[in-house]
Amino acid sequence: MDVTALRALQAPLKDKYREAPDAAVITLKARGELDDQHIACKVEAGRAIALAGLHPATGGSGAELCSGDMLLEALVACAGVTLKAVATALEIELKKGTVRAEGDLDFRGTLGVAKDAAVGFKAIRLSFDVETDAPQEKLDTLLKLTERYCVVFQTLNVKPELSAALTSV
């Protein structure tokens, strides 16, 4: 896809959202079902089912997906798509590229071993390796705009309002 095709695709959406801001607010949903045999949760992932379980550092077998890994995978996916879209809009040719995310967890927190250990990632690092002839100033802009428009990056960067509910059925 080139910049002209991208703009043609997005222009009517941008116009619609300027005229009717409420039309731009969409609720994304995820659903999972608790596994009745294991400490696991079957998550609907598009057309497939992802079975998430305990990480080996918390007693899991390693056979199931770790939700921490899935969070990093979502970040990589979103950042990669965003980088490609921004590169297209800026007319930066990316010949090849790799996106990586890594995060540091202290499992003492999630296991309740140490109250001073955080539950969750202490740090997350996102990196891109791209093959391109673009000058550094364009690449700096590419990174800045990718950070700005990546939904998962911004969700992690600016804490959203969270709530949880438990209902007995």
N, C-alpha and C. Protein backbone atom coordinates (compact mmCIF):
# COMPACT_ATOMS: atom_id res chain seq x y z
N MET A 1 0.85 -1.17 0.00
CA MET A 1 0.00 0.00 0.00
C MET A 1 0.90 1.23 0.00
N ASP A 2 0.55 2.21 -0.79
CA ASP A 2 1.32 3.45 -0.81
C ASP A 2 0.55 4.55 -0.08
N VAL A 3 1.19 5.72 0.03
CA VAL A 3 0.60 6.82 0.79
C VAL A 3 -0.75 7.26 0.20
N THR A 4 -0.88 7.25 -1.11
CA THR A 4 -2.14 7.67 -1.75
C THR A 4 -3.26 6.71 -1.39
N ALA A 5 -2.99 5.42 -1.45
CA ALA A 5 -4.01 4.43 -1.11
C ALA A 5 -4.38 4.51 0.38
N LEU A 6 -3.38 4.71 1.24
CA LEU A 6 -3.65 4.83 2.67
C LEU A 6 -4.52 6.05 2.95
N ARG A 7 -4.16 7.17 2.37
CA ARG A 7 -4.96 8.39 2.59
C ARG A 7 -6.38 8.23 2.05
N ALA A 8 -6.51 7.58 0.89
CA ALA A 8 -7.84 7.37 0.32
C ALA A 8 -8.68 6.47 1.23
N LEU A 9 -8.04 5.51 1.85
CA LEU A 9 -8.72 4.61 2.76
C LEU A 9 -9.14 5.31 4.04
N GLN A 10 -8.27 6.16 4.57
CA GLN A 10 -8.52 6.77 5.87
C GLN A 10 -9.27 8.10 5.81
N ALA A 11 -9.21 8.80 4.70
CA ALA A 11 -9.83 10.13 4.61
C ALA A 11 -11.32 10.13 4.96
N PRO A 12 -12.14 9.22 4.40
CA PRO A 12 -13.56 9.25 4.76
C PRO A 12 -13.79 8.94 6.24
N LEU A 13 -12.95 8.09 6.81
CA LEU A 13 -13.08 7.79 8.24
C LEU A 13 -12.75 9.01 9.08
N LYS A 14 -11.66 9.70 8.74
CA LYS A 14 -11.27 10.90 9.48
C LYS A 14 -12.36 11.96 9.39
N ASP A 15 -12.92 12.14 8.19
CA ASP A 15 -14.01 13.12 8.01
C ASP A 15 -15.21 12.74 8.88
N LYS A 16 -15.57 11.47 8.85
CA LYS A 16 -16.70 10.99 9.64
C LYS A 16 -16.48 11.26 11.12
N TYR A 17 -15.26 10.97 11.61
CA TYR A 17 -14.98 11.14 13.03
C TYR A 17 -14.89 12.61 13.44
N ARG A 18 -14.50 13.48 12.51
CA ARG A 18 -14.51 14.92 12.80
C ARG A 18 -15.94 15.42 12.94
N GLU A 19 -16.82 14.93 12.06
CA GLU A 19 -18.22 15.37 12.06
C GLU A 19 -19.02 14.73 13.19
N ALA A 20 -18.70 13.48 13.51
CA ALA A 20 -19.44 12.76 14.55
C ALA A 20 -18.43 12.06 15.46
N PRO A 21 -17.85 12.78 16.43
CA PRO A 21 -16.83 12.19 17.29
C PRO A 21 -17.26 10.89 17.99
N ASP A 22 -18.54 10.77 18.32
CA ASP A 22 -19.01 9.56 18.99
C ASP A 22 -18.86 8.33 18.11
N ALA A 23 -18.88 8.52 16.80
CA ALA A 23 -18.73 7.38 15.87
C ALA A 23 -17.32 6.78 15.97
N ALA A 24 -16.37 7.52 16.49
CA ALA A 24 -15.00 7.03 16.60
C ALA A 24 -14.77 6.21 17.86
N VAL A 25 -15.72 6.21 18.77
CA VAL A 25 -15.58 5.47 20.02
C VAL A 25 -16.16 4.08 19.84
N ILE A 26 -15.28 3.09 19.87
CA ILE A 26 -15.68 1.70 19.65
C ILE A 26 -15.20 0.89 20.84
N THR A 27 -16.00 -0.03 21.30
CA THR A 27 -15.62 -0.90 22.40
C THR A 27 -15.09 -2.21 21.82
N LEU A 28 -13.81 -2.46 22.04
CA LEU A 28 -13.21 -3.73 21.65
C LEU A 28 -13.45 -4.72 22.78
N LYS A 29 -13.61 -5.97 22.45
CA LYS A 29 -13.93 -6.97 23.47
C LYS A 29 -13.05 -8.19 23.33
N ALA A 30 -12.77 -8.81 24.43
CA ALA A 30 -12.09 -10.10 24.46
C ALA A 30 -12.90 -11.00 25.39
N ARG A 31 -12.88 -12.29 25.12
CA ARG A 31 -13.65 -13.23 25.92
C ARG A 31 -12.82 -14.47 26.16
N GLY A 32 -12.95 -15.02 27.34
CA GLY A 32 -12.28 -16.26 27.66
C GLY A 32 -13.17 -17.13 28.50
N GLU A 33 -12.88 -18.42 28.50
CA GLU A 33 -13.64 -19.34 29.31
C GLU A 33 -12.67 -20.11 30.20
N LEU A 34 -13.01 -20.18 31.49
CA LEU A 34 -12.15 -20.88 32.42
C LEU A 34 -12.10 -22.36 32.09
N ASP A 35 -10.91 -22.93 32.11
CA ASP A 35 -10.71 -24.35 31.88
C ASP A 35 -11.15 -25.08 33.14
N ASP A 36 -12.00 -26.09 33.00
CA ASP A 36 -12.51 -26.78 34.18
C ASP A 36 -11.57 -27.87 34.70
N GLN A 37 -10.49 -28.16 33.98
CA GLN A 37 -9.56 -29.20 34.40
C GLN A 37 -8.21 -28.66 34.88
N HIS A 38 -7.83 -27.47 34.43
CA HIS A 38 -6.50 -26.94 34.71
C HIS A 38 -6.59 -25.49 35.17
N ILE A 39 -5.49 -24.98 35.69
CA ILE A 39 -5.42 -23.55 35.99
C ILE A 39 -5.08 -22.87 34.67
N ALA A 40 -6.12 -22.61 33.90
CA ALA A 40 -5.96 -22.07 32.55
C ALA A 40 -7.23 -21.36 32.12
N CYS A 41 -7.12 -20.56 31.09
CA CYS A 41 -8.25 -19.82 30.55
C CYS A 41 -8.17 -19.89 29.03
N LYS A 42 -9.24 -20.32 28.38
CA LYS A 42 -9.29 -20.41 26.92
C LYS A 42 -9.77 -19.06 26.39
N VAL A 43 -8.88 -18.37 25.69
CA VAL A 43 -9.17 -17.03 25.19
C VAL A 43 -9.46 -17.11 23.70
N GLU A 44 -10.57 -16.51 23.29
CA GLU A 44 -10.90 -16.46 21.87
C GLU A 44 -9.98 -15.43 21.22
N ALA A 45 -9.14 -15.89 20.31
CA ALA A 45 -8.18 -15.02 19.63
C ALA A 45 -8.47 -15.08 18.14
N GLY A 46 -9.39 -14.22 17.69
CA GLY A 46 -9.78 -14.27 16.29
C GLY A 46 -10.49 -15.57 16.02
N ARG A 47 -9.95 -16.35 15.08
CA ARG A 47 -10.58 -17.62 14.72
C ARG A 47 -9.99 -18.79 15.48
N ALA A 48 -9.05 -18.52 16.36
CA ALA A 48 -8.40 -19.59 17.11
C ALA A 48 -8.69 -19.42 18.59
N ILE A 49 -8.40 -20.44 19.34
CA ILE A 49 -8.50 -20.39 20.80
C ILE A 49 -7.08 -20.43 21.36
N ALA A 50 -6.76 -19.47 22.18
CA ALA A 50 -5.45 -19.42 22.83
C ALA A 50 -5.64 -19.91 24.26
N LEU A 51 -4.88 -20.90 24.66
CA LEU A 51 -4.99 -21.42 26.01
C LEU A 51 -3.89 -20.78 26.86
N ALA A 52 -4.32 -19.94 27.79
CA ALA A 52 -3.38 -19.24 28.67
C ALA A 52 -3.34 -19.95 30.01
N GLY A 53 -2.14 -20.04 30.57
CA GLY A 53 -1.99 -20.68 31.87
C GLY A 53 -0.90 -20.01 32.68
N LEU A 54 -0.51 -20.64 33.73
CA LEU A 54 0.53 -20.10 34.60
C LEU A 54 1.89 -20.15 33.91
N HIS A 55 2.68 -19.13 34.13
CA HIS A 55 4.07 -19.12 33.65
C HIS A 55 4.85 -20.14 34.49
N PRO A 56 5.86 -20.79 33.89
CA PRO A 56 6.65 -21.74 34.68
C PRO A 56 7.23 -21.16 35.97
N ALA A 57 7.50 -19.85 36.00
CA ALA A 57 8.05 -19.22 37.20
C ALA A 57 7.02 -19.14 38.33
N THR A 58 5.75 -19.45 38.01
CA THR A 58 4.71 -19.46 39.05
C THR A 58 4.10 -20.86 39.20
N GLY A 59 4.76 -21.87 38.63
CA GLY A 59 4.29 -23.24 38.78
C GLY A 59 3.63 -23.82 37.55
N GLY A 60 3.56 -23.07 36.47
CA GLY A 60 2.96 -23.59 35.25
C GLY A 60 3.87 -24.56 34.52
N SER A 61 3.28 -25.32 33.61
CA SER A 61 4.03 -26.33 32.87
C SER A 61 4.80 -25.71 31.69
N GLY A 62 4.37 -24.54 31.26
CA GLY A 62 4.97 -23.94 30.07
C GLY A 62 4.27 -24.36 28.80
N ALA A 63 3.30 -25.28 28.90
CA ALA A 63 2.56 -25.75 27.74
C ALA A 63 1.53 -24.71 27.28
N GLU A 64 1.03 -23.91 28.23
CA GLU A 64 0.04 -22.89 27.88
C GLU A 64 0.73 -21.55 27.64
N LEU A 65 0.02 -20.64 27.02
CA LEU A 65 0.53 -19.30 26.78
C LEU A 65 0.56 -18.51 28.08
N CYS A 66 1.55 -17.68 28.22
CA CYS A 66 1.63 -16.79 29.38
C CYS A 66 0.99 -15.46 28.99
N SER A 67 0.11 -14.95 29.83
CA SER A 67 -0.56 -13.70 29.51
C SER A 67 0.41 -12.53 29.45
N GLY A 68 1.51 -12.60 30.19
CA GLY A 68 2.55 -11.56 30.08
C GLY A 68 3.17 -11.56 28.69
N ASP A 69 3.46 -12.76 28.18
CA ASP A 69 3.97 -12.86 26.81
C ASP A 69 2.94 -12.33 25.82
N MET A 70 1.67 -12.64 26.06
CA MET A 70 0.62 -12.18 25.16
C MET A 70 0.51 -10.65 25.15
N LEU A 71 0.73 -10.04 26.31
CA LEU A 71 0.73 -8.58 26.39
C LEU A 71 1.85 -8.01 25.53
N LEU A 72 3.05 -8.59 25.67
CA LEU A 72 4.18 -8.12 24.85
C LEU A 72 3.94 -8.39 23.37
N GLU A 73 3.31 -9.52 23.05
CA GLU A 73 2.99 -9.83 21.65
C GLU A 73 1.99 -8.82 21.09
N ALA A 74 1.01 -8.43 21.90
CA ALA A 74 0.05 -7.41 21.46
C ALA A 74 0.76 -6.08 21.21
N LEU A 75 1.72 -5.74 22.07
CA LEU A 75 2.49 -4.52 21.88
C LEU A 75 3.29 -4.59 20.58
N VAL A 76 3.96 -5.70 20.35
CA VAL A 76 4.74 -5.87 19.11
C VAL A 76 3.84 -5.77 17.89
N ALA A 77 2.70 -6.43 17.93
CA ALA A 77 1.77 -6.41 16.79
C ALA A 77 1.28 -4.99 16.51
N CYS A 78 0.83 -4.32 17.55
CA CYS A 78 0.29 -2.96 17.38
C CYS A 78 1.38 -2.00 16.94
N ALA A 79 2.54 -2.07 17.57
CA ALA A 79 3.64 -1.16 17.21
C ALA A 79 4.12 -1.43 15.79
N GLY A 80 4.16 -2.69 15.38
CA GLY A 80 4.58 -3.02 14.03
C GLY A 80 3.63 -2.49 12.98
N VAL A 81 2.34 -2.67 13.22
CA VAL A 81 1.33 -2.15 12.28
C VAL A 81 1.37 -0.63 12.25
N THR A 82 1.49 -0.02 13.41
CA THR A 82 1.54 1.44 13.49
C THR A 82 2.78 1.98 12.78
N LEU A 83 3.93 1.35 13.00
CA LEU A 83 5.16 1.76 12.33
C LEU A 83 5.00 1.70 10.82
N LYS A 84 4.42 0.61 10.31
CA LYS A 84 4.22 0.47 8.87
C LYS A 84 3.27 1.55 8.33
N ALA A 85 2.20 1.82 9.06
CA ALA A 85 1.24 2.83 8.61
C ALA A 85 1.88 4.22 8.60
N VAL A 86 2.62 4.55 9.65
CA VAL A 86 3.28 5.85 9.73
C VAL A 86 4.35 5.97 8.65
N ALA A 87 5.12 4.90 8.45
CA ALA A 87 6.15 4.91 7.40
C ALA A 87 5.51 5.14 6.03
N THR A 88 4.37 4.51 5.80
CA THR A 88 3.66 4.70 4.54
C THR A 88 3.21 6.14 4.40
N ALA A 89 2.63 6.70 5.45
CA ALA A 89 2.16 8.09 5.41
C ALA A 89 3.30 9.07 5.20
N LEU A 90 4.47 8.77 5.76
CA LEU A 90 5.63 9.66 5.62
C LEU A 90 6.46 9.33 4.37
N GLU A 91 6.00 8.33 3.63
CA GLU A 91 6.71 7.87 2.42
C GLU A 91 8.14 7.45 2.72
N ILE A 92 8.28 6.68 3.80
CA ILE A 92 9.56 6.09 4.16
C ILE A 92 9.50 4.63 3.72
N GLU A 93 10.40 4.24 2.84
CA GLU A 93 10.43 2.85 2.38
C GLU A 93 11.17 2.00 3.41
N LEU A 94 10.46 1.02 3.93
CA LEU A 94 11.07 0.06 4.85
C LEU A 94 11.26 -1.24 4.08
N LYS A 95 12.51 -1.60 3.84
CA LYS A 95 12.81 -2.81 3.08
C LYS A 95 12.56 -4.05 3.93
N LYS A 96 12.98 -3.99 5.18
CA LYS A 96 12.77 -5.07 6.14
C LYS A 96 12.69 -4.46 7.53
N GLY A 97 12.16 -5.21 8.45
CA GLY A 97 12.12 -4.70 9.82
C GLY A 97 11.77 -5.78 10.83
N THR A 98 12.21 -5.56 12.03
CA THR A 98 11.91 -6.44 13.16
C THR A 98 11.46 -5.57 14.32
N VAL A 99 10.45 -6.05 15.02
CA VAL A 99 9.94 -5.37 16.22
C VAL A 99 10.11 -6.33 17.38
N ARG A 100 10.65 -5.83 18.48
CA ARG A 100 10.85 -6.64 19.67
C ARG A 100 10.34 -5.90 20.91
N ALA A 101 9.77 -6.66 21.82
CA ALA A 101 9.40 -6.11 23.13
C ALA A 101 9.88 -7.09 24.17
N GLU A 102 10.42 -6.55 25.25
CA GLU A 102 10.82 -7.38 26.38
C GLU A 102 10.46 -6.63 27.64
N GLY A 103 10.11 -7.40 28.65
CA GLY A 103 9.70 -6.80 29.91
C GLY A 103 10.24 -7.55 31.09
N ASP A 104 10.47 -6.83 32.17
CA ASP A 104 11.02 -7.40 33.39
C ASP A 104 9.92 -7.60 34.43
N LEU A 105 9.81 -8.83 34.91
CA LEU A 105 8.84 -9.19 35.94
C LEU A 105 9.56 -9.73 37.16
N ASP A 106 9.07 -9.41 38.32
CA ASP A 106 9.56 -10.00 39.56
C ASP A 106 8.41 -10.87 40.08
N PHE A 107 8.54 -12.17 39.89
CA PHE A 107 7.44 -13.07 40.22
C PHE A 107 7.16 -13.18 41.71
N ARG A 108 8.02 -12.59 42.55
CA ARG A 108 7.71 -12.56 43.99
C ARG A 108 6.42 -11.77 44.22
N GLY A 109 6.18 -10.76 43.36
CA GLY A 109 4.98 -9.94 43.52
C GLY A 109 3.71 -10.73 43.24
N THR A 110 3.66 -11.40 42.11
CA THR A 110 2.43 -12.13 41.75
C THR A 110 2.20 -13.36 42.63
N LEU A 111 3.27 -13.90 43.21
CA LEU A 111 3.12 -15.03 44.12
C LEU A 111 2.90 -14.60 45.57
N GLY A 112 2.92 -13.30 45.83
CA GLY A 112 2.69 -12.80 47.18
C GLY A 112 3.82 -13.10 48.14
N VAL A 113 5.03 -13.29 47.63
CA VAL A 113 6.18 -13.62 48.45
C VAL A 113 6.76 -12.37 49.11
N ALA A 114 6.73 -11.26 48.41
CA ALA A 114 7.31 -10.01 48.94
C ALA A 114 6.37 -8.86 48.63
N LYS A 115 5.89 -8.20 49.68
CA LYS A 115 4.95 -7.10 49.48
C LYS A 115 5.58 -5.92 48.74
N ASP A 116 6.90 -5.77 48.79
CA ASP A 116 7.54 -4.66 48.11
C ASP A 116 7.83 -4.96 46.64
N ALA A 117 7.55 -6.18 46.19
CA ALA A 117 7.75 -6.54 44.78
C ALA A 117 6.46 -6.24 44.02
N ALA A 118 6.58 -5.49 42.96
CA ALA A 118 5.41 -5.11 42.16
C ALA A 118 4.80 -6.35 41.49
N VAL A 119 3.49 -6.30 41.33
CA VAL A 119 2.79 -7.29 40.52
C VAL A 119 2.69 -6.67 39.13
N GLY A 120 3.29 -7.28 38.18
CA GLY A 120 3.29 -6.74 36.83
C GLY A 120 4.68 -6.37 36.38
N PHE A 121 4.75 -5.87 35.17
CA PHE A 121 6.04 -5.51 34.59
C PHE A 121 6.63 -4.28 35.29
N LYS A 122 7.90 -4.37 35.63
CA LYS A 122 8.63 -3.21 36.18
C LYS A 122 9.12 -2.32 35.05
N ALA A 123 9.45 -2.92 33.93
CA ALA A 123 9.95 -2.16 32.78
C ALA A 123 9.62 -2.94 31.51
N ILE A 124 9.30 -2.20 30.46
CA ILE A 124 9.06 -2.78 29.14
C ILE A 124 9.88 -1.98 28.15
N ARG A 125 10.60 -2.70 27.29
CA ARG A 125 11.43 -2.06 26.26
C ARG A 125 10.94 -2.51 24.89
N LEU A 126 10.66 -1.54 24.04
CA LEU A 126 10.20 -1.79 22.67
C LEU A 126 11.30 -1.32 21.73
N SER A 127 11.66 -2.14 20.77
CA SER A 127 12.71 -1.74 19.84
C SER A 127 12.37 -2.17 18.42
N PHE A 128 12.87 -1.40 17.48
CA PHE A 128 12.67 -1.64 16.06
C PHE A 128 14.03 -1.69 15.38
N ASP A 129 14.23 -2.65 14.52
CA ASP A 129 15.39 -2.69 13.64
C ASP A 129 14.83 -2.63 12.23
N VAL A 130 15.17 -1.58 11.48
CA VAL A 130 14.63 -1.44 10.13
C VAL A 130 15.75 -1.27 9.12
N GLU A 131 15.51 -1.81 7.94
CA GLU A 131 16.42 -1.61 6.82
C GLU A 131 15.76 -0.58 5.92
N THR A 132 16.42 0.57 5.82
CA THR A 132 15.87 1.68 5.05
C THR A 132 17.00 2.63 4.66
N ASP A 133 16.72 3.44 3.64
CA ASP A 133 17.67 4.47 3.22
C ASP A 133 17.26 5.84 3.75
N ALA A 134 16.20 5.89 4.55
CA ALA A 134 15.69 7.16 5.05
C ALA A 134 16.71 7.83 5.98
N PRO A 135 16.77 9.16 5.95
CA PRO A 135 17.70 9.88 6.85
C PRO A 135 17.25 9.77 8.30
N GLN A 136 18.18 9.97 9.22
CA GLN A 136 17.91 9.81 10.64
C GLN A 136 16.77 10.72 11.12
N GLU A 137 16.70 11.95 10.60
CA GLU A 137 15.63 12.84 11.08
C GLU A 137 14.25 12.30 10.74
N LYS A 138 14.11 11.63 9.59
CA LYS A 138 12.82 11.01 9.25
C LYS A 138 12.55 9.80 10.14
N LEU A 139 13.62 9.07 10.47
CA LEU A 139 13.46 7.92 11.35
C LEU A 139 13.09 8.35 12.77
N ASP A 140 13.64 9.47 13.21
CA ASP A 140 13.27 10.00 14.52
C ASP A 140 11.79 10.36 14.55
N THR A 141 11.30 10.97 13.48
CA THR A 141 9.88 11.30 13.37
C THR A 141 9.04 10.04 13.32
N LEU A 142 9.51 9.04 12.59
CA LEU A 142 8.80 7.76 12.50
C LEU A 142 8.63 7.14 13.88
N LEU A 143 9.69 7.12 14.68
CA LEU A 143 9.60 6.55 16.02
C LEU A 143 8.65 7.37 16.90
N LYS A 144 8.79 8.67 16.86
CA LYS A 144 7.95 9.55 17.68
C LYS A 144 6.46 9.35 17.36
N LEU A 145 6.14 9.29 16.07
CA LEU A 145 4.73 9.13 15.68
C LEU A 145 4.22 7.71 15.94
N THR A 146 5.10 6.74 15.83
CA THR A 146 4.71 5.36 16.15
C THR A 146 4.36 5.26 17.62
N GLU A 147 5.18 5.84 18.48
CA GLU A 147 4.88 5.86 19.92
C GLU A 147 3.55 6.57 20.17
N ARG A 148 3.35 7.68 19.50
CA ARG A 148 2.15 8.50 19.73
C ARG A 148 0.87 7.80 19.31
N TYR A 149 0.90 7.05 18.20
CA TYR A 149 -0.32 6.48 17.65
C TYR A 149 -0.52 5.00 17.90
N CYS A 150 0.41 4.35 18.55
CA CYS A 150 0.26 2.92 18.86
C CYS A 150 -0.67 2.78 20.08
N VAL A 151 -1.81 2.16 19.86
CA VAL A 151 -2.82 2.04 20.91
C VAL A 151 -2.29 1.29 22.13
N VAL A 152 -1.63 0.18 21.92
CA VAL A 152 -1.15 -0.62 23.05
C VAL A 152 -0.04 0.13 23.80
N PHE A 153 0.88 0.75 23.07
CA PHE A 153 1.95 1.52 23.71
C PHE A 153 1.36 2.63 24.57
N GLN A 154 0.41 3.38 24.02
CA GLN A 154 -0.18 4.49 24.78
C GLN A 154 -1.02 4.00 25.95
N THR A 155 -1.67 2.84 25.80
CA THR A 155 -2.45 2.28 26.90
C THR A 155 -1.54 1.92 28.07
N LEU A 156 -0.37 1.37 27.75
CA LEU A 156 0.59 1.04 28.81
C LEU A 156 1.24 2.30 29.37
N ASN A 157 1.43 3.29 28.53
CA ASN A 157 2.13 4.51 28.91
C ASN A 157 1.26 5.44 29.75
N VAL A 158 -0.02 5.51 29.45
CA VAL A 158 -0.95 6.38 30.17
C VAL A 158 -2.06 5.48 30.72
N LYS A 159 -2.00 5.21 32.00
CA LYS A 159 -2.92 4.25 32.61
C LYS A 159 -4.37 4.61 32.35
N PRO A 160 -5.13 3.68 31.76
CA PRO A 160 -6.55 3.95 31.54
C PRO A 160 -7.35 3.75 32.83
N GLU A 161 -8.56 4.21 32.83
CA GLU A 161 -9.45 3.94 33.95
C GLU A 161 -9.77 2.45 33.90
N LEU A 162 -9.53 1.76 34.99
CA LEU A 162 -9.77 0.32 35.05
C LEU A 162 -10.85 0.01 36.05
N SER A 163 -11.58 -1.07 35.78
CA SER A 163 -12.55 -1.57 36.75
C SER A 163 -12.64 -3.08 36.58
N ALA A 164 -13.10 -3.75 37.60
CA ALA A 164 -13.29 -5.19 37.54
C ALA A 164 -14.58 -5.51 38.25
N ALA A 165 -15.25 -6.57 37.79
CA ALA A 165 -16.50 -7.00 38.42
C ALA A 165 -16.51 -8.52 38.47
N LEU A 166 -17.12 -9.07 39.46
CA LEU A 166 -17.28 -10.52 39.59
C LEU A 166 -18.74 -10.79 39.89
N THR A 167 -19.34 -11.64 39.06
CA THR A 167 -20.75 -11.97 39.21
C THR A 167 -20.89 -13.48 39.35
N SER A 168 -21.65 -13.91 40.31
CA SER A 168 -21.95 -15.32 40.46
C SER A 168 -23.18 -15.65 39.64
N VAL A 169 -23.05 -16.64 38.75
CA VAL A 169 -24.20 -17.00 37.88
C VAL A 169 -24.74 -18.37 38.22
